[in-house]
Amino acid sequence: MKKYGFIGYGNMGKMIVENILNLKIFYPNEMIISNRTLSKLNKLKKDYPDITITDDNTYLAKNCDKIFIFVETPEFKDLIFQISPFLTDDSHIVHVCAGLSFENINSFYKGSVSQVIPSIVSTFNNYHNESININNNEDVDNIHNIDNNSDIGSNDTFNCFKNACNNKLGISLILHSNNTSNTDKCLIEEIFNEFSYIQIIDDFELSNDENNDRAVEIATILTSCAPAFISLIIDNLVSIANLKSKNKINVDEAKYIVVKTFLSTFIQIDTDNLCTSDIIDKTSTKKGITEIGLNYLDKNSNELINDLFDLLLERYDEVKSELNKNYS
């Protein structure tokens, strides 16, 4: 029987492989993990003795039809050349390479390809898995709008949030090439739907023009980049609160306050208990402290966010230009 192959065990590869194992989406004996540095897989092999590990990508390609690739974008082309002699009509490549278009790939590989843009905040671990009853056998009626109504098993804040969010974390953006079968599409969507919300890029109202790429890029900024931006904002709030209070509120206390406030705000918005305008209206009073702060942020944050998008989209254009040269 063909197995599921995973090439690369960096941050994203490790997260996705461990999610699959922790949530029991595949059995360990169904999986082959390949990494350039084999020693990085030693703990994984110790925890899951039935899993196959290797540093030989061709061995993986010979034994797997469904191959997940977690390498840096510049390495993708050489990797496909390395394994392509062992790929068949049943092979399906799934990659997480940012900025790499199907047009780029089609210049040297004509097979079935999907792209997933995951988020690091979709990370699960054994504690989360034990706290939540995951139903891995749920039938999927509408693969583009899957909902997982799992029961909650703990009363702590994290699990309250997980319950509010249908036991999923983060957003995974998914794109499929035109020659990807519905069966392969459903498989990938079901896998990522187990631990994240999925947004199928085909569902965007896109026309055949250059704005398609922009929609994908902006969605990536909002889902994959944003957790880092939010984390930086939290760190800055914490450090400034500590500084302004002259250490009366220590860093750990400030972090606790900020994170719980953010989390509670997100729950209110996500569950439609309070919308953003409700929170603003109910929190601020005329000429009050909150209103003064809102006016300042409204005046200054729009320009900052607009400049941030411009900067990131400019970098996307540079990356696409480099890729078009390398993949032409």
Protein backbone atom coordinates (compact mmCIF):
# COMPACT_ATOMS: atom_id res chain seq x y z
CA MET A 1 0.00 0.00 0.00
CA LYS A 2 1.27 3.47 -0.89
CA LYS A 3 1.97 5.77 2.05
CA TYR A 4 1.74 9.49 2.71
CA GLY A 5 5.06 11.28 2.27
CA PHE A 6 6.31 14.44 3.98
CA ILE A 7 9.51 16.14 2.84
CA GLY A 8 11.02 18.73 5.18
CA TYR A 9 10.71 19.07 8.95
CA GLY A 10 11.11 22.78 9.59
CA ASN A 11 8.58 24.91 11.47
CA MET A 12 5.60 24.31 9.16
CA GLY A 13 6.47 20.72 8.29
CA LYS A 14 6.88 19.81 11.95
CA MET A 15 3.62 21.51 12.90
CA ILE A 16 1.57 19.77 10.21
CA VAL A 17 3.13 16.33 10.75
CA GLU A 18 2.61 16.57 14.51
CA ASN A 19 -0.98 17.80 14.06
CA ILE A 20 -1.72 14.81 11.84
CA LEU A 21 -0.24 12.43 14.42
CA ASN A 22 -1.73 14.11 17.50
CA LEU A 23 -5.20 14.16 15.95
CA LYS A 24 -4.78 10.62 14.56
CA ILE A 25 -5.63 11.69 11.02
CA PHE A 26 -3.20 9.05 9.69
CA TYR A 27 -1.64 6.10 11.48
CA PRO A 28 2.13 6.41 11.96
CA ASN A 29 2.74 3.30 9.83
CA GLU A 30 1.06 5.09 6.91
CA MET A 31 3.61 7.91 6.92
CA ILE A 32 7.15 8.45 5.62
CA ILE A 33 9.01 11.57 6.77
CA SER A 34 12.11 12.73 4.92
CA ASN A 35 14.53 15.37 6.14
CA ARG A 36 18.00 16.41 5.05
CA THR A 37 19.26 16.12 8.64
CA LEU A 38 18.00 12.75 9.77
CA SER A 39 18.87 13.36 13.42
CA LYS A 40 16.10 15.99 13.60
CA LEU A 41 13.62 13.12 13.20
CA ASN A 42 15.00 11.02 16.06
CA LYS A 43 12.50 12.25 18.66
CA LEU A 44 9.63 11.76 16.22
CA LYS A 45 10.76 8.17 15.61
CA LYS A 46 11.09 7.60 19.37
CA ASP A 47 7.56 8.89 20.00
CA TYR A 48 6.11 7.01 17.00
CA PRO A 49 8.18 3.85 16.40
CA ASP A 50 5.95 2.74 13.50
CA ILE A 51 6.66 5.86 11.45
CA THR A 52 9.26 5.61 8.66
CA ILE A 53 12.00 8.24 8.58
CA THR A 54 14.61 8.77 5.87
CA ASP A 55 16.97 11.30 4.35
CA ASP A 56 16.34 9.86 0.86
CA ASN A 57 13.65 11.77 -1.00
CA THR A 58 13.67 9.30 -3.89
CA TYR A 59 12.86 6.43 -1.50
CA LEU A 60 9.89 8.47 -0.27
CA ALA A 61 8.71 9.24 -3.81
CA LYS A 62 8.85 5.56 -4.78
CA ASN A 63 6.61 4.61 -1.87
CA CYS A 64 4.16 7.53 -1.69
CA ASP A 65 1.48 8.86 -4.01
CA LYS A 66 0.53 11.84 -1.85
CA ILE A 67 3.60 13.94 -1.12
CA PHE A 68 3.63 17.02 1.12
CA ILE A 69 6.59 19.33 0.52
CA PHE A 70 7.76 21.69 3.26
CA VAL A 71 10.92 23.25 1.82
CA GLU A 72 11.94 26.82 1.05
CA THR A 73 10.57 28.15 -2.24
CA PRO A 74 13.97 28.29 -4.05
CA GLU A 75 14.51 24.57 -3.25
CA PHE A 76 11.22 23.37 -4.72
CA LYS A 77 12.26 23.10 -8.36
CA ASP A 78 15.38 21.01 -7.70
CA LEU A 79 13.40 18.77 -5.37
CA ILE A 80 10.77 18.07 -8.03
CA PHE A 81 13.51 17.27 -10.56
CA GLN A 82 14.98 14.86 -8.01
CA ILE A 83 11.77 12.92 -7.36
CA SER A 84 9.93 13.32 -10.70
CA PRO A 85 11.29 10.04 -12.21
CA PHE A 86 9.37 8.20 -9.48
CA LEU A 87 6.10 10.13 -9.70
CA THR A 88 3.09 8.56 -11.44
CA ASP A 89 -0.28 9.65 -12.76
CA ASP A 90 -1.66 9.03 -9.25
CA SER A 91 0.89 11.32 -7.60
CA HIS A 92 -0.34 14.46 -5.92
CA ILE A 93 2.08 17.14 -4.74
CA VAL A 94 1.07 19.45 -1.88
CA HIS A 95 3.43 22.32 -1.11
CA VAL A 96 3.60 25.36 1.19
CA CYS A 97 6.03 27.45 -0.89
CA ALA A 98 5.11 31.11 -0.67
CA GLY A 99 4.85 33.07 -3.90
CA LEU A 100 5.12 30.02 -6.16
CA SER A 101 2.36 29.98 -8.77
CA PHE A 102 0.95 27.01 -10.67
CA GLU A 103 2.21 28.72 -13.80
CA ASN A 104 5.75 28.60 -12.40
CA ILE A 105 5.41 24.91 -11.58
CA ASN A 106 3.72 24.01 -14.87
CA SER A 107 6.87 25.07 -16.73
CA PHE A 108 8.61 21.91 -15.51
CA TYR A 109 5.99 19.67 -13.86
CA LYS A 110 2.56 18.90 -15.32
CA GLY A 111 1.16 16.70 -12.54
CA SER A 112 -1.47 17.31 -9.88
CA VAL A 113 -0.50 20.05 -7.42
CA SER A 114 -2.13 21.79 -4.47
CA GLN A 115 -0.77 24.68 -2.45
CA VAL A 116 -1.56 25.17 1.23
CA ILE A 117 -0.75 28.38 3.08
CA PRO A 118 -0.96 27.33 6.73
CA SER A 119 -0.70 29.37 9.89
CA ILE A 120 1.60 28.61 12.81
CA VAL A 121 -1.32 29.28 15.18
CA SER A 122 -2.90 26.03 13.96
CA THR A 123 -0.38 24.20 16.16
CA PHE A 124 -1.87 21.44 18.31
CA ASN A 125 -0.16 19.30 20.93
CA ASN A 126 -1.07 16.26 23.00
CA TYR A 127 -2.57 18.40 25.78
CA HIS A 128 -4.97 20.06 23.37
CA ASN A 129 -5.83 16.72 21.81
CA GLU A 130 -6.63 15.13 25.18
CA SER A 131 -8.85 18.09 26.12
CA ILE A 132 -11.01 17.80 23.03
CA ASN A 133 -12.97 14.89 21.59
CA ILE A 134 -12.06 14.90 17.92
CA ASN A 135 -14.29 12.97 15.55
CA ASN A 136 -12.05 11.87 12.70
CA ASN A 137 -14.76 9.85 10.96
CA GLU A 138 -17.21 12.65 10.29
CA ASP A 139 -18.74 12.56 6.84
CA VAL A 140 -18.14 15.61 4.71
CA ASP A 141 -21.18 16.82 2.78
CA ASN A 142 -19.77 20.13 1.58
CA ILE A 143 -15.99 20.10 1.47
CA HIS A 144 -15.80 23.87 1.03
CA ASN A 145 -17.87 24.54 4.12
CA ILE A 146 -17.00 21.88 6.68
CA ASP A 147 -17.96 22.30 10.30
CA ASN A 148 -16.71 20.16 13.19
CA ASN A 149 -19.02 20.24 16.20
CA SER A 150 -16.78 18.47 18.71
CA ASP A 151 -17.55 18.45 22.43
CA ILE A 152 -15.47 20.40 24.90
CA GLY A 153 -13.59 18.56 27.60
CA SER A 154 -12.09 21.30 29.82
CA ASN A 155 -13.16 24.57 31.40
CA ASP A 156 -9.95 26.55 31.01
CA THR A 157 -9.79 29.64 28.83
CA PHE A 158 -8.02 27.93 25.96
CA ASN A 159 -10.68 25.26 25.67
CA CYS A 160 -13.49 27.81 25.96
CA PHE A 161 -11.91 29.54 22.99
CA LYS A 162 -11.51 26.21 21.19
CA ASN A 163 -15.19 25.43 21.79
CA ALA A 164 -16.20 28.84 20.46
CA CYS A 165 -14.09 28.19 17.37
CA ASN A 166 -15.38 24.65 16.68
CA ASN A 167 -12.13 23.08 17.93
CA LYS A 168 -10.04 24.61 15.17
CA LEU A 169 -7.15 27.03 15.21
CA GLY A 170 -6.00 29.40 12.50
CA ILE A 171 -6.82 29.60 8.81
CA SER A 172 -5.35 27.39 6.09
CA LEU A 173 -5.62 28.82 2.58
CA ILE A 174 -5.86 26.10 -0.09
CA LEU A 175 -5.38 26.33 -3.86
CA HIS A 176 -5.63 23.49 -6.39
CA SER A 177 -4.25 23.25 -9.90
CA ASN A 178 -6.75 22.64 -12.72
CA ASN A 179 -5.75 19.01 -13.14
CA THR A 180 -6.21 18.08 -9.48
CA SER A 181 -8.94 15.47 -9.06
CA ASN A 182 -11.90 16.05 -6.79
CA THR A 183 -10.75 13.09 -4.69
CA ASP A 184 -7.34 14.67 -4.10
CA LYS A 185 -8.92 18.05 -3.41
CA CYS A 186 -11.23 16.55 -0.80
CA LEU A 187 -8.39 14.66 0.88
CA ILE A 188 -6.29 17.78 1.38
CA GLU A 189 -9.24 19.86 2.50
CA GLU A 190 -10.36 17.22 5.00
CA ILE A 191 -6.85 16.93 6.49
CA PHE A 192 -6.44 20.65 7.12
CA ASN A 193 -10.06 21.05 8.16
CA GLU A 194 -9.36 18.76 11.12
CA PHE A 195 -7.20 21.36 12.85
CA SER A 196 -7.87 24.70 11.10
CA TYR A 197 -10.51 26.64 9.29
CA ILE A 198 -10.03 26.26 5.57
CA GLN A 199 -10.51 28.89 2.90
CA ILE A 200 -10.50 27.53 -0.63
CA ILE A 201 -9.03 30.22 -2.84
CA ASP A 202 -11.26 29.05 -5.72
CA ASP A 203 -14.16 30.29 -3.60
CA PHE A 204 -12.95 33.88 -3.95
CA GLU A 205 -14.76 35.76 -6.70
CA LEU A 206 -11.69 35.96 -8.89
CA SER A 207 -11.46 36.83 -12.56
CA ASN A 208 -8.57 35.91 -14.84
CA ASP A 209 -6.41 38.94 -14.25
CA GLU A 210 -3.47 40.07 -12.17
CA ASN A 211 -5.73 40.89 -9.22
CA ASN A 212 -5.98 37.14 -8.53
CA ASP A 213 -2.42 37.11 -7.23
CA ARG A 214 -3.11 40.17 -5.10
CA ALA A 215 -6.11 38.48 -3.47
CA VAL A 216 -3.99 35.46 -2.56
CA GLU A 217 -1.16 37.66 -1.27
CA ILE A 218 -3.47 39.78 0.88
CA ALA A 219 -5.20 36.68 2.25
CA THR A 220 -1.76 35.29 3.13
CA ILE A 221 -0.85 38.48 4.99
CA LEU A 222 -4.11 38.29 6.94
CA THR A 223 -3.76 34.61 7.87
CA SER A 224 -0.14 33.51 7.81
CA CYS A 225 1.72 36.76 8.61
CA ALA A 226 -0.81 38.31 11.00
CA PRO A 227 -0.11 36.04 14.01
CA ALA A 228 3.45 37.38 14.09
CA PHE A 229 2.19 40.97 13.84
CA ILE A 230 -0.33 40.39 16.64
CA SER A 231 2.38 38.80 18.78
CA LEU A 232 4.63 41.82 18.27
CA ILE A 233 1.80 44.16 19.30
CA ILE A 234 1.25 42.08 22.44
CA ASP A 235 4.97 42.18 23.28
CA ASN A 236 5.07 45.95 22.81
CA LEU A 237 1.96 46.51 24.92
CA VAL A 238 3.45 44.36 27.66
CA SER A 239 6.86 46.02 27.68
CA ILE A 240 5.42 49.54 27.62
CA ALA A 241 2.90 48.70 30.38
CA ASN A 242 5.76 47.40 32.48
CA LEU A 243 7.81 50.53 31.78
CA LYS A 244 5.00 53.04 32.39
CA SER A 245 4.01 51.33 35.65
CA LYS A 246 7.65 51.50 36.80
CA ASN A 247 7.60 47.72 37.17
CA LYS A 248 4.54 47.77 39.45
CA ILE A 249 2.97 45.55 36.78
CA ASN A 250 5.63 43.01 35.94
CA VAL A 251 6.04 41.51 32.47
CA ASP A 252 4.27 38.24 33.31
CA GLU A 253 1.31 40.03 34.86
CA ALA A 254 1.02 42.43 31.95
CA LYS A 255 1.20 39.57 29.44
CA TYR A 256 -1.54 37.69 31.29
CA ILE A 257 -3.79 40.76 31.29
CA VAL A 258 -3.20 41.58 27.62
CA VAL A 259 -3.53 38.03 26.29
CA LYS A 260 -6.72 37.30 28.23
CA THR A 261 -8.20 40.62 27.07
CA PHE A 262 -7.32 39.91 23.43
CA LEU A 263 -8.64 36.36 23.71
CA SER A 264 -11.92 37.44 25.30
CA THR A 265 -12.39 40.16 22.68
CA PHE A 266 -11.80 37.67 19.86
CA ILE A 267 -14.32 35.25 21.39
CA GLN A 268 -16.99 37.95 21.58
CA ILE A 269 -16.45 38.89 17.93
CA ASP A 270 -16.09 35.31 16.66
CA THR A 271 -19.29 34.12 18.33
CA ASP A 272 -21.24 37.22 17.20
CA ASN A 273 -22.04 37.96 20.83
CA LEU A 274 -20.59 41.43 20.29
CA CYS A 275 -19.45 42.90 16.98
CA THR A 276 -16.50 45.28 16.72
CA SER A 277 -18.72 48.36 16.67
CA ASP A 278 -20.61 47.11 19.75
CA ILE A 279 -17.37 46.76 21.68
CA ILE A 280 -16.22 50.22 20.63
CA ASP A 281 -19.56 51.86 21.46
CA LYS A 282 -20.04 50.08 24.79
CA THR A 283 -16.47 50.74 25.95
CA SER A 284 -16.12 54.42 25.10
CA THR A 285 -17.85 57.46 26.58
CA LYS A 286 -17.81 61.00 25.24
CA LYS A 287 -14.47 62.68 26.01
CA GLY A 288 -13.49 59.63 28.04
CA ILE A 289 -10.10 57.94 28.06
CA THR A 290 -11.16 55.19 25.65
CA GLU A 291 -12.58 57.70 23.16
CA ILE A 292 -9.37 59.73 23.23
CA GLY A 293 -7.39 56.57 22.58
CA LEU A 294 -9.73 55.49 19.77
CA ASN A 295 -9.47 58.86 18.05
CA TYR A 296 -5.69 58.71 18.21
CA LEU A 297 -5.53 55.14 16.88
CA ASP A 298 -8.09 55.83 14.15
CA LYS A 299 -6.08 58.82 12.98
CA ASN A 300 -2.69 57.07 12.98
CA SER A 301 -3.25 53.34 12.50
CA ASN A 302 -4.84 53.52 9.03
CA GLU A 303 -1.72 55.10 7.57
CA LEU A 304 0.50 52.59 9.38
CA ILE A 305 -1.51 49.58 8.17
CA ASN A 306 -1.70 50.95 4.62
CA ASP A 307 2.08 51.44 4.57
CA LEU A 308 2.55 47.93 5.94
CA PHE A 309 0.48 46.40 3.13
CA ASP A 310 2.34 48.46 0.53
CA LEU A 311 5.69 47.28 1.92
CA LEU A 312 4.67 43.62 1.97
CA LEU A 313 3.08 43.68 -1.49
CA GLU A 314 6.22 45.34 -2.87
CA ARG A 315 8.24 42.44 -1.47
CA TYR A 316 5.79 39.98 -3.05
CA ASP A 317 6.42 41.64 -6.43
CA GLU A 318 10.18 41.24 -5.94
CA VAL A 319 9.77 37.57 -5.06
CA LYS A 320 7.53 36.92 -8.07
CA SER A 321 10.04 38.60 -10.36
CA GLU A 322 12.83 36.40 -8.99
CA LEU A 323 10.70 33.27 -9.33
CA ASN A 324 9.66 34.08 -12.88
CA LYS A 325 13.35 34.32 -13.84
CA ASN A 326 14.28 31.07 -12.08
CA TYR A 327 11.26 29.13 -13.32
CA SER A 328 11.12 30.38 -16.92
